[in-house]
C-alpha atoms as a PDB file:
ATOM      1  CA  UNK A   1     -20.952  -6.918   0.363  1.00  0.00           C
ATOM      2  CA  UNK A   2     -18.292  -9.466  -1.828  1.00  0.00           C
ATOM      3  CA  UNK A   3     -18.164 -12.875  -2.295  1.00  0.00           C
ATOM      4  CA  UNK A   4     -16.374 -15.453  -0.638  1.00  0.00           C
ATOM      5  CA  UNK A   5     -13.016 -16.463  -2.540  1.00  0.00           C
ATOM      6  CA  UNK A   6     -14.214 -19.920  -5.685  1.00  0.00           C
ATOM      7  CA  UNK A   7     -12.226 -22.263  -4.284  1.00  0.00           C
ATOM      8  CA  UNK A   8     -11.670 -21.759  -0.720  1.00  0.00           C
ATOM      9  CA  UNK A   9     -10.694 -25.489   1.163  1.00  0.00           C
ATOM     10  CA  UNK A  10     -12.487 -25.921   4.129  1.00  0.00           C
ATOM     11  CA  UNK A  11     -10.873 -28.290   6.611  1.00  0.00           C
ATOM     12  CA  UNK A  12     -12.360 -28.941  10.263  1.00  0.00           C
ATOM     13  CA  UNK A  13     -14.234 -25.932  10.637  1.00  0.00           C
ATOM     14  CA  UNK A  14     -11.816 -23.556   8.976  1.00  0.00           C
ATOM     15  CA  UNK A  15     -11.283 -22.392   5.438  1.00  0.00           C
ATOM     16  CA  UNK A  16      -7.668 -21.836   3.431  1.00  0.00           C
ATOM     17  CA  UNK A  17      -8.537 -19.537   1.470  1.00  0.00           C
ATOM     18  CA  UNK A  18      -6.824 -19.232  -2.315  1.00  0.00           C
ATOM     19  CA  UNK A  19      -4.067 -16.917  -2.748  1.00  0.00           C
ATOM     20  CA  UNK A  20      -4.437 -14.887  -6.148  1.00  0.00           C
ATOM     21  CA  UNK A  21      -0.963 -14.834  -7.949  1.00  0.00           C
ATOM     22  CA  UNK A  22       0.489 -11.696  -9.547  1.00  0.00           C
ATOM     23  CA  UNK A  23      -0.860 -11.195 -13.341  1.00  0.00           C
ATOM     24  CA  UNK A  24      -4.436 -11.605 -11.443  1.00  0.00           C
ATOM     25  CA  UNK A  25      -6.691  -8.406 -11.829  1.00  0.00           C
ATOM     26  CA  UNK A  26      -8.074  -8.411  -8.537  1.00  0.00           C
ATOM     27  CA  UNK A  27      -4.228  -7.104  -7.578  1.00  0.00           C
ATOM     28  CA  UNK A  28      -4.625  -4.217  -9.076  1.00  0.00           C
ATOM     29  CA  UNK A  29      -7.741  -2.939  -8.050  1.00  0.00           C
ATOM     30  CA  UNK A  30      -8.548  -0.737  -5.402  1.00  0.00           C
ATOM     31  CA  UNK A  31     -10.116  -2.065  -2.636  1.00  0.00           C
ATOM     32  CA  UNK A  32     -13.509  -0.689  -1.463  1.00  0.00           C
ATOM     33  CA  UNK A  33     -14.533   0.252   1.975  1.00  0.00           C
ATOM     34  CA  UNK A  34     -15.691  -2.472   4.659  1.00  0.00           C
ATOM     35  CA  UNK A  35     -19.334  -0.961   5.641  1.00  0.00           C
ATOM     36  CA  UNK A  36     -19.852  -2.856   8.599  1.00  0.00           C
ATOM     37  CA  UNK A  37     -16.646  -4.544  10.402  1.00  0.00           C
ATOM     38  CA  UNK A  38     -18.619  -6.296  12.863  1.00  0.00           C
ATOM     39  CA  UNK A  39     -20.332  -8.137   9.786  1.00  0.00           C
ATOM     40  CA  UNK A  40     -21.102 -12.159  10.268  1.00  0.00           C
ATOM     41  CA  UNK A  41     -19.064 -12.513   6.601  1.00  0.00           C
ATOM     42  CA  UNK A  42     -16.194 -10.039   7.760  1.00  0.00           C
ATOM     43  CA  UNK A  43     -15.559 -11.902  10.997  1.00  0.00           C
ATOM     44  CA  UNK A  44     -15.528 -15.414   8.736  1.00  0.00           C
ATOM     45  CA  UNK A  45     -12.932 -13.627   6.619  1.00  0.00           C
ATOM     46  CA  UNK A  46     -10.957 -12.698   8.797  1.00  0.00           C
ATOM     47  CA  UNK A  47     -10.450 -15.537  10.565  1.00  0.00           C
ATOM     48  CA  UNK A  48     -10.251 -17.901   7.496  1.00  0.00           C
ATOM     49  CA  UNK A  49      -7.771 -15.150   6.332  1.00  0.00           C
ATOM     50  CA  UNK A  50      -4.999 -15.445   9.668  1.00  0.00           C
ATOM     51  CA  UNK A  51      -5.215 -19.395   9.207  1.00  0.00           C
ATOM     52  CA  UNK A  52      -4.564 -19.095   5.202  1.00  0.00           C
ATOM     53  CA  UNK A  53      -1.387 -16.648   6.698  1.00  0.00           C
ATOM     54  CA  UNK A  54      -0.260 -18.783   8.998  1.00  0.00           C
ATOM     55  CA  UNK A  55      -0.493 -21.659   6.785  1.00  0.00           C
ATOM     56  CA  UNK A  56       0.941 -20.415   3.856  1.00  0.00           C
ATOM     57  CA  UNK A  57       3.311 -19.410   5.882  1.00  0.00           C
ATOM     58  CA  UNK A  58       3.351 -15.620   5.575  1.00  0.00           C
ATOM     59  CA  UNK A  59       3.329 -12.396   8.286  1.00  0.00           C
ATOM     60  CA  UNK A  60       0.591 -10.528   5.815  1.00  0.00           C
ATOM     61  CA  UNK A  61      -2.148 -11.443   3.641  1.00  0.00           C
ATOM     62  CA  UNK A  62      -4.414  -8.427   2.804  1.00  0.00           C
ATOM     63  CA  UNK A  63      -8.346  -9.069   1.732  1.00  0.00           C
ATOM     64  CA  UNK A  64      -7.789  -8.750  -2.248  1.00  0.00           C
ATOM     65  CA  UNK A  65      -4.784 -11.555  -2.416  1.00  0.00           C
ATOM     66  CA  UNK A  66      -8.086 -13.816  -1.372  1.00  0.00           C
ATOM     67  CA  UNK A  67     -10.104 -12.442  -4.280  1.00  0.00           C
ATOM     68  CA  UNK A  68     -12.136  -9.836  -2.294  1.00  0.00           C
ATOM     69  CA  UNK A  69     -11.807  -6.425  -2.814  1.00  0.00           C
ATOM     70  CA  UNK A  70     -12.229  -5.234   0.711  1.00  0.00           C
ATOM     71  CA  UNK A  71     -10.129  -2.774   2.676  1.00  0.00           C
ATOM     72  CA  UNK A  72      -8.702  -4.690   5.310  1.00  0.00           C
ATOM     73  CA  UNK A  73      -5.609  -6.874   6.164  1.00  0.00           C
ATOM     74  CA  UNK A  74      -4.250  -9.361   8.558  1.00  0.00           C
ATOM     75  CA  UNK A  75      -0.739  -9.594  10.108  1.00  0.00           C
ATOM     76  CA  UNK A  76       1.726 -11.057  13.207  1.00  0.00           C
ATOM     77  CA  UNK A  77       5.083 -10.179  13.619  1.00  0.00           C
ATOM     78  CA  UNK A  78       6.694 -13.382  15.000  1.00  0.00           C
ATOM     79  CA  UNK A  79      10.071 -12.478  17.029  1.00  0.00           C
ATOM     80  CA  UNK A  80      12.181 -14.665  15.161  1.00  0.00           C
ATOM     81  CA  UNK A  81      11.546 -12.269  11.574  1.00  0.00           C
ATOM     82  CA  UNK A  82      11.936  -9.700  13.616  1.00  0.00           C
ATOM     83  CA  UNK A  83      13.985  -9.589  17.021  1.00  0.00           C
ATOM     84  CA  UNK A  84      11.142  -7.388  18.144  1.00  0.00           C
ATOM     85  CA  UNK A  85       8.600  -8.136  20.287  1.00  0.00           C
ATOM     86  CA  UNK A  86       5.927 -10.733  19.168  1.00  0.00           C
ATOM     87  CA  UNK A  87       2.274  -9.582  18.114  1.00  0.00           C
ATOM     88  CA  UNK A  88      -0.323 -11.782  17.344  1.00  0.00           C
ATOM     89  CA  UNK A  89      -2.562 -12.154  14.454  1.00  0.00           C
ATOM     90  CA  UNK A  90      -4.957  -9.116  14.125  1.00  0.00           C
ATOM     91  CA  UNK A  91      -7.173  -7.713  11.911  1.00  0.00           C
ATOM     92  CA  UNK A  92      -6.693  -3.644  10.460  1.00  0.00           C
ATOM     93  CA  UNK A  93      -9.655  -2.830   9.215  1.00  0.00           C
ATOM     94  CA  UNK A  94     -10.705   0.097   6.803  1.00  0.00           C
ATOM     95  CA  UNK A  95      -6.865   1.198   7.672  1.00  0.00           C
ATOM     96  CA  UNK A  96      -4.858   4.638   7.013  1.00  0.00           C
ATOM     97  CA  UNK A  97      -1.391   5.439   7.674  1.00  0.00           C
ATOM     98  CA  UNK A  98       1.149   8.491   7.541  1.00  0.00           C
ATOM     99  CA  UNK A  99       5.413   8.368   7.807  1.00  0.00           C
ATOM    100  CA  UNK A 100       6.763   9.801  10.651  1.00  0.00           C
ATOM    101  CA  UNK A 101       9.725  11.431   9.240  1.00  0.00           C
ATOM    102  CA  UNK A 102      11.033  11.731   5.700  1.00  0.00           C
ATOM    103  CA  UNK A 103      13.718   8.597   6.793  1.00  0.00           C
ATOM    104  CA  UNK A 104      13.173   5.646   3.909  1.00  0.00           C
ATOM    105  CA  UNK A 105      15.544   2.336   4.483  1.00  0.00           C
ATOM    106  CA  UNK A 106      15.637  -0.269   2.111  1.00  0.00           C
ATOM    107  CA  UNK A 107      13.444  -3.400   3.597  1.00  0.00           C
ATOM    108  CA  UNK A 108      14.175  -7.182   1.807  1.00  0.00           C
ATOM    109  CA  UNK A 109      10.116  -7.691   0.826  1.00  0.00           C
ATOM    110  CA  UNK A 110       8.311 -10.980  -0.703  1.00  0.00           C
ATOM    111  CA  UNK A 111       4.808 -11.521  -0.531  1.00  0.00           C
ATOM    112  CA  UNK A 112       2.257 -14.705  -1.011  1.00  0.00           C
ATOM    113  CA  UNK A 113       0.828 -13.180  -4.571  1.00  0.00           C
ATOM    114  CA  UNK A 114       4.723 -13.498  -5.658  1.00  0.00           C
ATOM    115  CA  UNK A 115       5.993 -16.897  -4.866  1.00  0.00           C
ATOM    116  CA  UNK A 116       9.665 -17.840  -4.447  1.00  0.00           C
ATOM    117  CA  UNK A 117      10.847 -14.039  -5.003  1.00  0.00           C
ATOM    118  CA  UNK A 118      12.166 -11.123  -3.113  1.00  0.00           C
ATOM    119  CA  UNK A 119      13.386  -7.805  -3.602  1.00  0.00           C
ATOM    120  CA  UNK A 120      15.004  -4.678  -1.377  1.00  0.00           C
ATOM    121  CA  UNK A 121      11.740  -1.862  -1.413  1.00  0.00           C
ATOM    122  CA  UNK A 122      12.286   1.468   0.193  1.00  0.00           C
ATOM    123  CA  UNK A 123       9.943   2.041   2.972  1.00  0.00           C
ATOM    124  CA  UNK A 124       9.001   4.726   5.204  1.00  0.00           C
ATOM    125  CA  UNK A 125      10.920   3.672   8.977  1.00  0.00           C
ATOM    126  CA  UNK A 126       8.465   5.198  11.213  1.00  0.00           C
ATOM    127  CA  UNK A 127       4.528   5.289  10.605  1.00  0.00           C
ATOM    128  CA  UNK A 128       1.610   6.323  12.768  1.00  0.00           C
ATOM    129  CA  UNK A 129      -1.327   3.725  11.413  1.00  0.00           C
ATOM    130  CA  UNK A 130      -5.290   3.244  12.248  1.00  0.00           C
ATOM    131  CA  UNK A 131      -7.723   1.119  11.887  1.00  0.00           C
ATOM    132  CA  UNK A 132     -10.806  -0.702  13.754  1.00  0.00           C
ATOM    133  CA  UNK A 133     -11.043  -4.209  14.469  1.00  0.00           C
ATOM    134  CA  UNK A 134     -14.214  -6.584  13.895  1.00  0.00           C
ATOM    135  CA  UNK A 135     -15.634  -5.073  17.117  1.00  0.00           C
ATOM    136  CA  UNK A 136     -14.820  -1.662  15.759  1.00  0.00           C
ATOM    137  CA  UNK A 137     -12.529  -1.251  18.277  1.00  0.00           C
ATOM    138  CA  UNK A 138      -9.098   1.405  17.510  1.00  0.00           C
ATOM    139  CA  UNK A 139      -6.513  -0.486  16.566  1.00  0.00           C
ATOM    140  CA  UNK A 140      -2.627   1.192  15.368  1.00  0.00           C
ATOM    141  CA  UNK A 141      -0.126   3.230  16.534  1.00  0.00           C
ATOM    142  CA  UNK A 142       3.317   4.436  15.954  1.00  0.00           C
ATOM    143  CA  UNK A 143       5.161   1.751  15.054  1.00  0.00           C
ATOM    144  CA  UNK A 144       9.034   1.132  13.153  1.00  0.00           C
ATOM    145  CA  UNK A 145      10.778  -2.334  12.344  1.00  0.00           C
ATOM    146  CA  UNK A 146       9.228  -5.018  10.565  1.00  0.00           C
ATOM    147  CA  UNK A 147       5.654  -4.152  12.443  1.00  0.00           C
ATOM    148  CA  UNK A 148       5.843  -1.063   9.947  1.00  0.00           C
ATOM    149  CA  UNK A 149       7.248  -2.534   6.971  1.00  0.00           C
ATOM    150  CA  UNK A 150       4.563  -5.362   6.599  1.00  0.00           C
ATOM    151  CA  UNK A 151       1.564  -2.824   7.295  1.00  0.00           C
ATOM    152  CA  UNK A 152       3.108  -0.536   4.358  1.00  0.00           C
ATOM    153  CA  UNK A 153       3.284  -3.550   2.136  1.00  0.00           C
ATOM    154  CA  UNK A 154      -0.247  -4.897   2.997  1.00  0.00           C
ATOM    155  CA  UNK A 155      -1.623  -1.581   2.800  1.00  0.00           C
ATOM    156  CA  UNK A 156      -0.317  -1.577  -0.797  1.00  0.00           C
ATOM    157  CA  UNK A 157      -2.682  -4.447  -2.112  1.00  0.00           C
ATOM    158  CA  UNK A 158      -5.559  -2.259  -1.307  1.00  0.00           C
ATOM    159  CA  UNK A 159      -4.527   0.304  -3.682  1.00  0.00           C
ATOM    160  CA  UNK A 160      -3.550  -2.548  -6.426  1.00  0.00           C
ATOM    161  CA  UNK A 161      -0.298  -2.211  -5.553  1.00  0.00           C
ATOM    162  CA  UNK A 162       2.196  -4.885  -5.898  1.00  0.00           C
ATOM    163  CA  UNK A 163       5.945  -4.300  -4.035  1.00  0.00           C
ATOM    164  CA  UNK A 164       7.923  -4.833  -7.543  1.00  0.00           C
ATOM    165  CA  UNK A 165       6.266  -1.906  -8.450  1.00  0.00           C
ATOM    166  CA  UNK A 166       8.570  -0.157  -5.850  1.00  0.00           C
ATOM    167  CA  UNK A 167      11.584  -1.177  -6.632  1.00  0.00           C
ATOM    168  CA  UNK A 168      14.467   1.322  -7.351  1.00  0.00           C
ATOM    169  CA  UNK A 169      17.006  -1.370  -7.958  1.00  0.00           C
ATOM    170  CA  UNK A 170      16.204  -4.402  -9.613  1.00  0.00           C
ATOM    171  CA  UNK A 171      19.900  -5.705  -8.564  1.00  0.00           C
ATOM    172  CA  UNK A 172      18.419  -6.618  -5.865  1.00  0.00           C
ATOM    173  CA  UNK A 173      15.503  -8.335  -6.908  1.00  0.00           C
ATOM    174  CA  UNK A 174      15.369 -12.126  -7.516  1.00  0.00           C
ATOM    175  CA  UNK A 175      14.579 -15.743  -6.591  1.00  0.00           C
ATOM    176  CA  UNK A 176      14.820 -15.954  -2.769  1.00  0.00           C
ATOM    177  CA  UNK A 177      17.588 -18.985  -2.793  1.00  0.00           C
ATOM    178  CA  UNK A 178      19.511 -16.264  -4.733  1.00  0.00           C
ATOM    179  CA  UNK A 179      18.989 -13.290  -3.013  1.00  0.00           C
ATOM    180  CA  UNK A 180      19.913 -15.451   0.242  1.00  0.00           C
ATOM    181  CA  UNK A 181      22.723 -16.697  -1.436  1.00  0.00           C
ATOM    182  CA  UNK A 182      24.353 -13.343  -2.743  1.00  0.00           C
ATOM    183  CA  UNK A 183      23.753 -12.070   1.212  1.00  0.00           C
ATOM    184  CA  UNK A 184      25.787 -14.513   2.476  1.00  0.00           C
ATOM    185  CA  UNK A 185      28.355 -14.032  -0.091  1.00  0.00           C
ATOM    186  CA  UNK A 186      28.139 -10.115   1.357  1.00  0.00           C
ATOM    187  CA  UNK A 187      27.915 -10.863   4.976  1.00  0.00           C
ATOM    188  CA  UNK A 188      31.158 -12.981   4.543  1.00  0.00           C
ATOM    189  CA  UNK A 189      32.944 -10.290   2.784  1.00  0.00           C
ATOM    190  CA  UNK A 190      32.409  -7.932   5.760  1.00  0.00           C
ATOM    191  CA  UNK A 191      33.541 -10.063   7.849  1.00  0.00           C
ATOM    192  CA  UNK A 192      36.982 -10.658   6.209  1.00  0.00           C
ATOM    193  CA  UNK A 193      36.826  -6.888   5.806  1.00  0.00           C
ATOM    194  CA  UNK A 194      36.698  -6.579   9.316  1.00  0.00           C
ATOM    195  CA  UNK A 195      39.158  -9.221  10.088  1.00  0.00           C
ATOM    196  CA  UNK A 196      41.958  -7.995   7.892  1.00  0.00           C
ATOM    197  CA  UNK A 197      43.222  -5.051  10.134  1.00  0.00           C
ATOM    198  CA  UNK A 198      43.739  -7.153  13.126  1.00  0.00           C
ATOM    199  CA  UNK A 199      45.478  -9.940  11.055  1.00  0.00           C
ATOM    200  CA  UNK A 200      47.644  -7.012   9.355  1.00  0.00           C
ATOM    201  CA  UNK A 201      48.665  -5.959  12.585  1.00  0.00           C
ATOM    202  CA  UNK A 202      49.849  -9.748  13.830  1.00  0.00           C
ATOM    203  CA  UNK A 203      51.590 -10.539  11.044  1.00  0.00           C
ATOM    204  CA  UNK A 204      53.549  -6.991  11.715  1.00  0.00           C
ATOM    205  CA  UNK A 205      54.021  -7.527  15.411  1.00  0.00           C
ATOM    206  CA  UNK A 206      55.308 -11.424  14.725  1.00  0.00           C
ATOM    207  CA  UNK A 207      57.844  -9.587  11.898  1.00  0.00           C
ATOM    208  CA  UNK A 208      59.601  -7.590  14.130  1.00  0.00           C
ATOM    209  CA  UNK A 209      61.216 -10.181  16.342  1.00  0.00           C
ATOM    210  CA  UNK A 210      62.083 -11.975  12.853  1.00  0.00           C
ATOM    211  CA  UNK A 211      63.711  -8.599  11.370  1.00  0.00           C
ATOM    212  CA  UNK A 212      65.411  -7.753  14.905  1.00  0.00           C
ATOM    213  CA  UNK A 213      67.155 -11.090  15.016  1.00  0.00           C
ATOM    214  CA  UNK A 214      68.314 -10.654  11.461  1.00  0.00           C
ATOM    215  CA  UNK A 215      69.725  -7.626  11.481  1.00  0.00           C
ATOM    216  CA  UNK A 216      71.808  -8.882  14.938  1.00  0.00           C
ATOM    217  CA  UNK A 217      73.010 -11.607  12.350  1.00  0.00           C
ATOM    218  CA  UNK A 218      73.790  -9.324   9.666  1.00  0.00           C
ATOM    219  CA  UNK A 219      75.934  -6.919  12.019  1.00  0.00           C
ATOM    220  CA  UNK A 220      77.875 -10.397  13.229  1.00  0.00           C
ATOM    221  CA  UNK A 221      78.426 -11.552   9.385  1.00  0.00           C
ATOM    222  CA  UNK A 222      79.842  -8.200   8.947  1.00  0.00           C
ATOM    223  CA  UNK A 223      82.024  -7.492  11.770  1.00  0.00           C
ATOM    224  CA  UNK A 224      84.067 -11.133  10.977  1.00  0.00           C
ATOM    225  CA  UNK A 225      81.547 -13.007  13.788  1.00  0.00           C
ATOM    226  CA  UNK A 226      81.403 -16.982  12.390  1.00  0.00           C
END
């Protein structure tokens, strides 16, 4: 079995694990299957990973990110981030997934191992995934939205893939503050474009009475009226 991460911080019965950053070789290796999902060391690792994920804070964390080369990850889907029904923290051990169709969409992603950066990453829109929890019970199903996004992102970690490796348009890759600023500017520009036709129509409607009055006055002047 893999050893626990060096540098783990133990606080009141829980451990906040040290998160590996991009450049560490553990993030580039293919993780090994978990032979016994119910083993005490696996259960403790899962509990500590959930604590670490929530403390970071993040919505997903794979074992290689805490220096443990096992094929498992934890995740949750908060309503505030997705607008979808909330999914409480849970684990997926020895996972697998497949796309349900060919539709792909760009999703903005960050990563606890690459702090401060975001990028638009192409991901399958609808997937079906499966795995087990620490009791060996099946987990997974057919999902879309942020749920599908986080499963694909965390699964990539198990194969030594970081999200920048999937970026196809590096103009949409940058520091979180800049990406957020650009998104706000784009949203404001879209609102302005949508409002422009309505404003033009109102201006045209207001101009008609004015034009009619000017034409009437010109007619009176031409006819000698003062």
